[in-house]
Amino acid sequence: MITRLVHLHISLDRCADFEAFVQPRMARIEAQPGCLGVRLLRGEPGHYFTVSEWVGEKDLEAYRDSSLFAEIWPTVKPWFAAKAAAWTTTQIPF
């Protein structure tokens, strides 16, 4: 299992647009093959984080090649105040 963390810095004047656009699509992301769950988190004004869990890297890449991703990314990208940052992580057992 992998966890994908993405930080999105959205222009303050586009935050309401961002939330209104992304929130209804979260269930569709979660329904993608291999997705085990996804959350949208709000930080300081303009800062958002997505946390998604996937069975494996192939599932994440399939989502990134999907029509759903092609619908979301080009819409929200112009609203960025800074370049997005993303990390793919694995859990360290203890």
C-alpha atoms as a PDB file:
ATOM      1  CA  MET A   1       0.000   0.000   0.000  1.00  0.00           C
ATOM      2  CA  ILE A   2       1.149   3.547  -0.746  1.00  0.00           C
ATOM      3  CA  THR A   3      -0.024   6.912   0.517  1.00  0.00           C
ATOM      4  CA  ARG A   4       0.063   9.948  -1.752  1.00  0.00           C
ATOM      5  CA  LEU A   5       0.347  13.364  -0.102  1.00  0.00           C
ATOM      6  CA  VAL A   6      -0.238  16.438  -2.265  1.00  0.00           C
ATOM      7  CA  HIS A   7       0.067  20.065  -1.130  1.00  0.00           C
ATOM      8  CA  LEU A   8      -1.870  22.582  -3.199  1.00  0.00           C
ATOM      9  CA  HIS A   9      -1.440  26.309  -2.603  1.00  0.00           C
ATOM     10  CA  ILE A  10      -4.537  27.933  -4.092  1.00  0.00           C
ATOM     11  CA  SER A  11      -4.913  31.661  -4.734  1.00  0.00           C
ATOM     12  CA  LEU A  12      -7.061  33.111  -1.964  1.00  0.00           C
ATOM     13  CA  ASP A  13      -9.608  34.472  -4.425  1.00  0.00           C
ATOM     14  CA  ARG A  14     -10.111  30.971  -5.890  1.00  0.00           C
ATOM     15  CA  CYS A  15     -10.450  28.906  -2.686  1.00  0.00           C
ATOM     16  CA  ALA A  16     -14.257  28.811  -2.821  1.00  0.00           C
ATOM     17  CA  ASP A  17     -14.103  27.758  -6.495  1.00  0.00           C
ATOM     18  CA  PHE A  18     -11.531  25.085  -5.664  1.00  0.00           C
ATOM     19  CA  GLU A  19     -13.592  23.577  -2.849  1.00  0.00           C
ATOM     20  CA  ALA A  20     -16.831  23.701  -4.845  1.00  0.00           C
ATOM     21  CA  PHE A  21     -15.164  21.962  -7.789  1.00  0.00           C
ATOM     22  CA  VAL A  22     -13.113  19.333  -5.952  1.00  0.00           C
ATOM     23  CA  GLN A  23     -15.432  18.237  -3.117  1.00  0.00           C
ATOM     24  CA  PRO A  24     -18.076  16.609  -5.337  1.00  0.00           C
ATOM     25  CA  ARG A  25     -15.344  14.723  -7.220  1.00  0.00           C
ATOM     26  CA  MET A  26     -13.729  13.172  -4.141  1.00  0.00           C
ATOM     27  CA  ALA A  27     -16.111  10.186  -4.166  1.00  0.00           C
ATOM     28  CA  ARG A  28     -15.254   9.595  -7.834  1.00  0.00           C
ATOM     29  CA  ILE A  29     -11.542   9.588  -6.977  1.00  0.00           C
ATOM     30  CA  GLU A  30     -12.184   7.143  -4.146  1.00  0.00           C
ATOM     31  CA  ALA A  31     -14.087   4.895  -6.575  1.00  0.00           C
ATOM     32  CA  GLN A  32     -11.049   4.562  -8.860  1.00  0.00           C
ATOM     33  CA  PRO A  33      -9.642   1.027  -9.078  1.00  0.00           C
ATOM     34  CA  GLY A  34      -7.032   0.497  -6.373  1.00  0.00           C
ATOM     35  CA  CYS A  35      -7.967   3.593  -4.346  1.00  0.00           C
ATOM     36  CA  LEU A  36      -8.473   2.695  -0.686  1.00  0.00           C
ATOM     37  CA  GLY A  37      -9.521   6.180   0.429  1.00  0.00           C
ATOM     38  CA  VAL A  38      -8.983   9.881  -0.120  1.00  0.00           C
ATOM     39  CA  ARG A  39      -9.295  12.983   2.065  1.00  0.00           C
ATOM     40  CA  LEU A  40      -9.194  16.695   1.317  1.00  0.00           C
ATOM     41  CA  LEU A  41      -7.720  18.771   4.137  1.00  0.00           C
ATOM     42  CA  ARG A  42      -7.697  22.551   4.564  1.00  0.00           C
ATOM     43  CA  GLY A  43      -4.700  24.172   6.261  1.00  0.00           C
ATOM     44  CA  GLU A  44      -3.851  27.837   6.563  1.00  0.00           C
ATOM     45  CA  PRO A  45      -5.791  30.045   4.126  1.00  0.00           C
ATOM     46  CA  GLY A  46      -5.116  28.908   0.580  1.00  0.00           C
ATOM     47  CA  HIS A  47      -3.350  25.693   1.581  1.00  0.00           C
ATOM     48  CA  TYR A  48      -4.969  22.336   0.860  1.00  0.00           C
ATOM     49  CA  PHE A  49      -3.735  18.792   1.122  1.00  0.00           C
ATOM     50  CA  THR A  50      -4.989  15.592  -0.409  1.00  0.00           C
ATOM     51  CA  VAL A  51      -4.146  12.314   1.270  1.00  0.00           C
ATOM     52  CA  SER A  52      -4.965   9.225  -0.747  1.00  0.00           C
ATOM     53  CA  GLU A  53      -4.175   5.577  -0.193  1.00  0.00           C
ATOM     54  CA  TRP A  54      -3.655   3.173  -3.051  1.00  0.00           C
ATOM     55  CA  VAL A  55      -3.067  -0.555  -3.357  1.00  0.00           C
ATOM     56  CA  GLY A  56       0.088   0.212  -5.338  1.00  0.00           C
ATOM     57  CA  GLU A  57       1.954   2.617  -7.594  1.00  0.00           C
ATOM     58  CA  LYS A  58       0.309   1.141 -10.703  1.00  0.00           C
ATOM     59  CA  ASP A  59      -3.131   2.084  -9.361  1.00  0.00           C
ATOM     60  CA  LEU A  60      -2.045   5.658  -8.658  1.00  0.00           C
ATOM     61  CA  GLU A  61      -0.525   5.962 -12.134  1.00  0.00           C
ATOM     62  CA  ALA A  62      -3.704   4.568 -13.713  1.00  0.00           C
ATOM     63  CA  TYR A  63      -5.700   7.291 -11.915  1.00  0.00           C
ATOM     64  CA  ARG A  64      -3.225   9.938 -13.086  1.00  0.00           C
ATOM     65  CA  ASP A  65      -3.810   8.689 -16.663  1.00  0.00           C
ATOM     66  CA  SER A  66      -7.608   8.635 -16.232  1.00  0.00           C
ATOM     67  CA  SER A  67     -10.237  10.905 -17.740  1.00  0.00           C
ATOM     68  CA  LEU A  68     -11.185  11.972 -14.203  1.00  0.00           C
ATOM     69  CA  PHE A  69      -7.684  13.299 -13.503  1.00  0.00           C
ATOM     70  CA  ALA A  70      -7.741  14.966 -16.941  1.00  0.00           C
ATOM     71  CA  GLU A  71     -10.958  16.686 -15.872  1.00  0.00           C
ATOM     72  CA  ILE A  72      -9.677  17.853 -12.471  1.00  0.00           C
ATOM     73  CA  TRP A  73      -6.046  18.882 -12.969  1.00  0.00           C
ATOM     74  CA  PRO A  74      -6.405  21.336 -15.899  1.00  0.00           C
ATOM     75  CA  THR A  75      -9.302  23.030 -14.107  1.00  0.00           C
ATOM     76  CA  VAL A  76      -7.581  23.587 -10.752  1.00  0.00           C
ATOM     77  CA  LYS A  77      -4.016  24.193 -11.975  1.00  0.00           C
ATOM     78  CA  PRO A  78      -4.678  27.826 -13.058  1.00  0.00           C
ATOM     79  CA  TRP A  79      -5.896  28.515  -9.513  1.00  0.00           C
ATOM     80  CA  PHE A  80      -2.503  27.627  -7.969  1.00  0.00           C
ATOM     81  CA  ALA A  81      -0.602  30.348  -6.133  1.00  0.00           C
ATOM     82  CA  ALA A  82       2.503  28.113  -6.226  1.00  0.00           C
ATOM     83  CA  LYS A  83       3.564  24.839  -7.811  1.00  0.00           C
ATOM     84  CA  ALA A  84       1.973  21.743  -6.282  1.00  0.00           C
ATOM     85  CA  ALA A  85       4.190  19.428  -4.248  1.00  0.00           C
ATOM     86  CA  ALA A  86       3.569  15.692  -4.005  1.00  0.00           C
ATOM     87  CA  TRP A  87       5.088  12.747  -2.191  1.00  0.00           C
ATOM     88  CA  THR A  88       4.428   9.042  -2.489  1.00  0.00           C
ATOM     89  CA  THR A  89       5.075   7.288   0.803  1.00  0.00           C
ATOM     90  CA  THR A  90       4.995   3.861   2.374  1.00  0.00           C
ATOM     91  CA  GLN A  91       4.351   3.071   6.001  1.00  0.00           C
ATOM     92  CA  ILE A  92       7.251   2.053   8.202  1.00  0.00           C
ATOM     93  CA  PRO A  93       6.150  -0.885  10.338  1.00  0.00           C
ATOM     94  CA  PHE A  94       6.908  -0.786  14.042  1.00  0.00           C
END
